[in-house]
Amino acid sequence: MGSVIVDITMSLDGFVTGPNAGIDNGLGDGGMPLHDWVFDGVPEETALLRDAVAATGAVVMGRRTFDTVDGPHGWSDELGYGAGQVPPPEESPAFFVVTHRAPEQVRLGLPFTFVTDGVASAVEQARTAAGERDVRTMGGGDVARQVIAEGLADEVILHVAHMILGAGTPLFRDGDPPASLERVRVLDGPATTHLFLRMRR
């Protein structure tokens, strides 16, 4: 069985979007540079993204993230999960969306399952679907935070963009339970530092 990995980009001050994030403004005001590392074409970072997509059997995301990627300005056949590393449809990971209510319709022709009984259930279903491959939590910040806080994550990969947003969607909150992690490796990019961490049990 693969690992459950929280894999998310954040600013130096801990925000995963800028303020006013929404369907038409997915990364919020000033938040687009958070993901510059995905598109800059740095070979080591492109390889990081490619390897992550290849290892992923299932993805857990929150409803706001789903609404953004399924919205009119979201993912397309050319630019979807993994940005330029889009797997062919027959190799697409399964997507599990944590939500209170399933949407009435879905634009994208991807294998979405809408989970209405919480993050732990979504991770459990994703593990089953992923088989020997990894489960990745791609966002938003609240779902990623819950996966860590509830002790469901095996690993955490933080792509720390070299910027300060000042406000937005925080990854962590006051009152989250303490956790201990060990560093596995660090990859330094020109605009982002990539931290690979393993949860200590």
Protein backbone atom coordinates (compact mmCIF):
# COMPACT_ATOMS: atom_id res chain seq x y z
CA MET A 1 0.00 0.00 0.00
CA GLY A 2 1.23 3.48 -0.84
CA SER A 3 1.53 6.50 1.43
CA VAL A 4 -0.95 9.24 2.27
CA ILE A 5 0.84 12.45 1.32
CA VAL A 6 -0.20 16.01 1.99
CA ASP A 7 1.33 17.86 -0.98
CA ILE A 8 0.70 21.59 -1.05
CA THR A 9 2.33 24.93 -1.87
CA MET A 10 2.36 27.78 0.63
CA SER A 11 3.95 31.18 1.13
CA LEU A 12 6.66 31.88 3.69
CA ASP A 13 3.96 33.18 6.04
CA GLY A 14 1.89 30.01 5.73
CA PHE A 15 -0.87 30.90 3.24
CA VAL A 16 -1.94 28.52 0.45
CA THR A 17 -3.89 31.26 -1.38
CA GLY A 18 -3.97 35.02 -1.29
CA PRO A 19 -7.10 36.83 -0.05
CA ASN A 20 -10.41 36.71 -1.96
CA ALA A 21 -9.88 33.22 -3.38
CA GLY A 22 -12.85 31.87 -5.35
CA ILE A 23 -13.94 30.00 -8.45
CA ASP A 24 -12.64 32.70 -10.79
CA ASN A 25 -9.66 33.58 -8.60
CA GLY A 26 -8.43 30.19 -7.44
CA LEU A 27 -5.19 31.32 -5.78
CA GLY A 28 -6.61 34.60 -4.53
CA ASP A 29 -5.28 38.11 -4.96
CA GLY A 30 -1.54 37.98 -5.59
CA GLY A 31 -1.44 34.21 -5.19
CA MET A 32 -0.49 33.11 -8.72
CA PRO A 33 3.29 33.22 -8.02
CA LEU A 34 2.80 30.47 -5.44
CA HIS A 35 2.77 27.99 -8.30
CA ASP A 36 5.45 29.54 -10.50
CA TRP A 37 7.61 26.49 -9.77
CA VAL A 38 5.09 24.29 -11.61
CA PHE A 39 5.47 26.21 -14.87
CA ASP A 40 9.02 27.60 -14.79
CA GLY A 41 10.55 24.59 -16.54
CA VAL A 42 13.33 23.99 -14.01
CA PRO A 43 14.34 20.37 -14.77
CA GLU A 44 14.51 19.20 -11.14
CA GLU A 45 11.10 20.69 -10.36
CA THR A 46 9.52 19.31 -13.54
CA ALA A 47 10.85 15.87 -12.59
CA LEU A 48 9.44 16.29 -9.07
CA LEU A 49 5.99 16.99 -10.50
CA ARG A 50 6.19 14.21 -13.08
CA ASP A 51 7.23 11.62 -10.49
CA ALA A 52 4.47 12.70 -8.10
CA VAL A 53 1.79 12.34 -10.78
CA ALA A 54 3.12 8.91 -11.80
CA ALA A 55 3.05 7.66 -8.19
CA THR A 56 -0.47 8.92 -7.42
CA GLY A 57 -3.39 6.52 -7.48
CA ALA A 58 -5.97 8.74 -5.78
CA VAL A 59 -6.37 12.40 -4.85
CA VAL A 60 -8.31 13.95 -1.95
CA MET A 61 -9.49 17.54 -2.29
CA GLY A 62 -11.96 19.91 -0.70
CA ARG A 63 -15.15 21.23 -2.26
CA ARG A 64 -13.80 24.72 -2.91
CA THR A 65 -10.81 23.25 -4.74
CA PHE A 66 -13.16 21.07 -6.78
CA ASP A 67 -15.37 24.05 -7.65
CA THR A 68 -12.30 25.89 -8.91
CA VAL A 69 -10.85 23.08 -11.02
CA ASP A 70 -14.27 22.12 -12.40
CA GLY A 71 -15.24 25.75 -13.01
CA PRO A 72 -15.14 27.52 -16.37
CA HIS A 73 -11.55 28.67 -15.85
CA GLY A 74 -10.34 25.44 -14.25
CA TRP A 75 -8.75 22.29 -15.61
CA SER A 76 -8.89 21.31 -19.27
CA ASP A 77 -7.79 18.36 -21.39
CA GLU A 78 -4.42 20.08 -21.84
CA LEU A 79 -3.91 21.43 -18.34
CA GLY A 80 -5.32 19.32 -15.54
CA TYR A 81 -4.01 17.37 -12.58
CA GLY A 82 -0.24 17.75 -12.48
CA ALA A 83 -0.30 20.79 -14.78
CA GLY A 84 1.69 19.79 -17.87
CA GLN A 85 2.06 16.22 -16.60
CA VAL A 86 -1.55 15.21 -17.33
CA PRO A 87 -1.91 11.42 -17.36
CA PRO A 88 -3.97 9.81 -20.14
CA PRO A 89 -7.62 9.26 -19.13
CA GLU A 90 -7.16 5.53 -18.57
CA GLU A 91 -4.36 6.29 -16.07
CA SER A 92 -6.06 9.17 -14.27
CA PRO A 93 -6.09 8.92 -10.49
CA ALA A 94 -9.44 8.70 -8.73
CA PHE A 95 -10.56 11.97 -7.14
CA PHE A 96 -12.36 12.11 -3.79
CA VAL A 97 -14.00 15.41 -2.91
CA VAL A 98 -14.83 16.18 0.72
CA THR A 99 -18.13 18.05 0.71
CA HIS A 100 -21.42 18.48 2.53
CA ARG A 101 -23.39 18.00 -0.68
CA ALA A 102 -22.54 16.62 -4.11
CA PRO A 103 -22.90 19.06 -7.03
CA GLU A 104 -25.81 18.66 -9.43
CA GLN A 105 -23.47 18.41 -12.42
CA VAL A 106 -19.77 18.04 -13.20
CA ARG A 107 -18.05 19.61 -16.19
CA LEU A 108 -14.90 17.47 -16.25
CA GLY A 109 -15.02 13.87 -17.38
CA LEU A 110 -12.83 12.62 -14.53
CA PRO A 111 -13.57 9.95 -11.90
CA PHE A 112 -14.88 12.15 -9.06
CA THR A 113 -16.43 10.65 -5.93
CA PHE A 114 -18.15 13.05 -3.53
CA VAL A 115 -17.66 12.08 0.11
CA THR A 116 -20.15 13.57 2.55
CA ASP A 117 -19.03 11.86 5.77
CA GLY A 118 -15.71 13.56 6.41
CA VAL A 119 -12.01 13.62 5.64
CA ALA A 120 -11.19 10.28 7.27
CA SER A 121 -13.75 8.53 5.09
CA ALA A 122 -12.38 10.22 1.97
CA VAL A 123 -8.83 9.10 2.80
CA GLU A 124 -10.00 5.54 3.51
CA GLN A 125 -11.85 5.35 0.19
CA ALA A 126 -8.89 6.89 -1.61
CA ARG A 127 -6.51 4.31 -0.09
CA THR A 128 -8.70 1.51 -1.42
CA ALA A 129 -8.85 3.08 -4.87
CA ALA A 130 -5.11 3.80 -4.99
CA GLY A 131 -4.03 0.24 -4.28
CA GLU A 132 -0.23 0.17 -4.18
CA ARG A 133 0.08 3.78 -5.32
CA ASP A 134 0.01 6.93 -3.19
CA VAL A 135 -2.92 9.03 -2.00
CA ARG A 136 -2.26 12.75 -2.36
CA THR A 137 -4.12 15.55 -0.63
CA MET A 138 -3.83 18.51 -2.99
CA GLY A 139 -5.96 21.07 -1.16
CA GLY A 140 -7.44 23.22 -0.22
CA GLY A 141 -5.73 24.28 2.93
CA ASP A 142 -8.51 23.19 5.28
CA VAL A 143 -8.62 19.60 3.97
CA ALA A 144 -4.82 19.35 4.02
CA ARG A 145 -4.79 20.69 7.58
CA GLN A 146 -7.43 18.17 8.69
CA VAL A 147 -5.53 15.24 7.17
CA ILE A 148 -2.47 16.23 9.21
CA ALA A 149 -4.41 17.11 12.38
CA GLU A 150 -6.34 13.82 12.37
CA GLY A 151 -3.15 11.78 12.04
CA LEU A 152 -4.04 10.48 8.57
CA ALA A 153 -0.89 11.66 6.76
CA ASP A 154 2.25 9.56 6.37
CA GLU A 155 4.24 12.30 4.65
CA VAL A 156 4.02 16.05 4.11
CA ILE A 157 5.53 17.81 1.11
CA LEU A 158 5.56 21.58 1.44
CA HIS A 159 6.51 23.68 -1.57
CA VAL A 160 7.45 26.93 0.19
CA ALA A 161 7.31 29.83 -2.25
CA HIS A 162 9.77 32.63 -1.57
CA MET A 163 7.07 35.25 -1.01
CA ILE A 164 4.97 36.78 1.76
CA LEU A 165 1.25 37.13 1.05
CA GLY A 166 0.23 38.78 4.31
CA ALA A 167 -3.29 37.31 4.22
CA GLY A 168 -5.31 34.57 2.57
CA THR A 169 -6.10 30.93 3.32
CA PRO A 170 -3.81 29.60 6.07
CA LEU A 171 -2.54 26.04 6.05
CA PHE A 172 -2.39 25.82 9.84
CA ARG A 173 -4.52 27.34 12.58
CA ASP A 174 -4.19 28.10 16.27
CA GLY A 175 -5.29 25.05 18.22
CA ASP A 176 -4.13 22.42 15.73
CA PRO A 177 -2.68 19.43 17.62
CA PRO A 178 1.11 19.32 17.83
CA ALA A 179 2.95 16.96 15.49
CA SER A 180 6.54 15.91 15.03
CA LEU A 181 8.05 15.40 11.59
CA GLU A 182 11.44 14.36 10.30
CA ARG A 183 13.13 15.82 7.24
CA VAL A 184 13.62 13.36 4.40
CA ARG A 185 15.14 15.73 1.86
CA VAL A 186 15.11 19.30 0.59
CA LEU A 187 15.10 20.51 -3.00
CA ASP A 188 16.01 24.14 -3.58
CA GLY A 189 14.45 25.82 -6.60
CA PRO A 190 14.97 29.40 -7.76
CA ALA A 191 11.60 30.58 -6.41
CA THR A 192 10.54 27.72 -4.12
CA THR A 193 12.06 25.44 -1.50
CA HIS A 194 10.58 21.94 -1.48
CA LEU A 195 10.50 20.23 1.93
CA PHE A 196 9.91 16.47 2.08
CA LEU A 197 8.87 15.44 5.59
CA ARG A 198 7.76 12.20 7.23
CA MET A 199 5.33 12.17 10.13
CA ARG A 200 6.68 10.71 13.36
CA ARG A 201 4.17 8.41 15.03
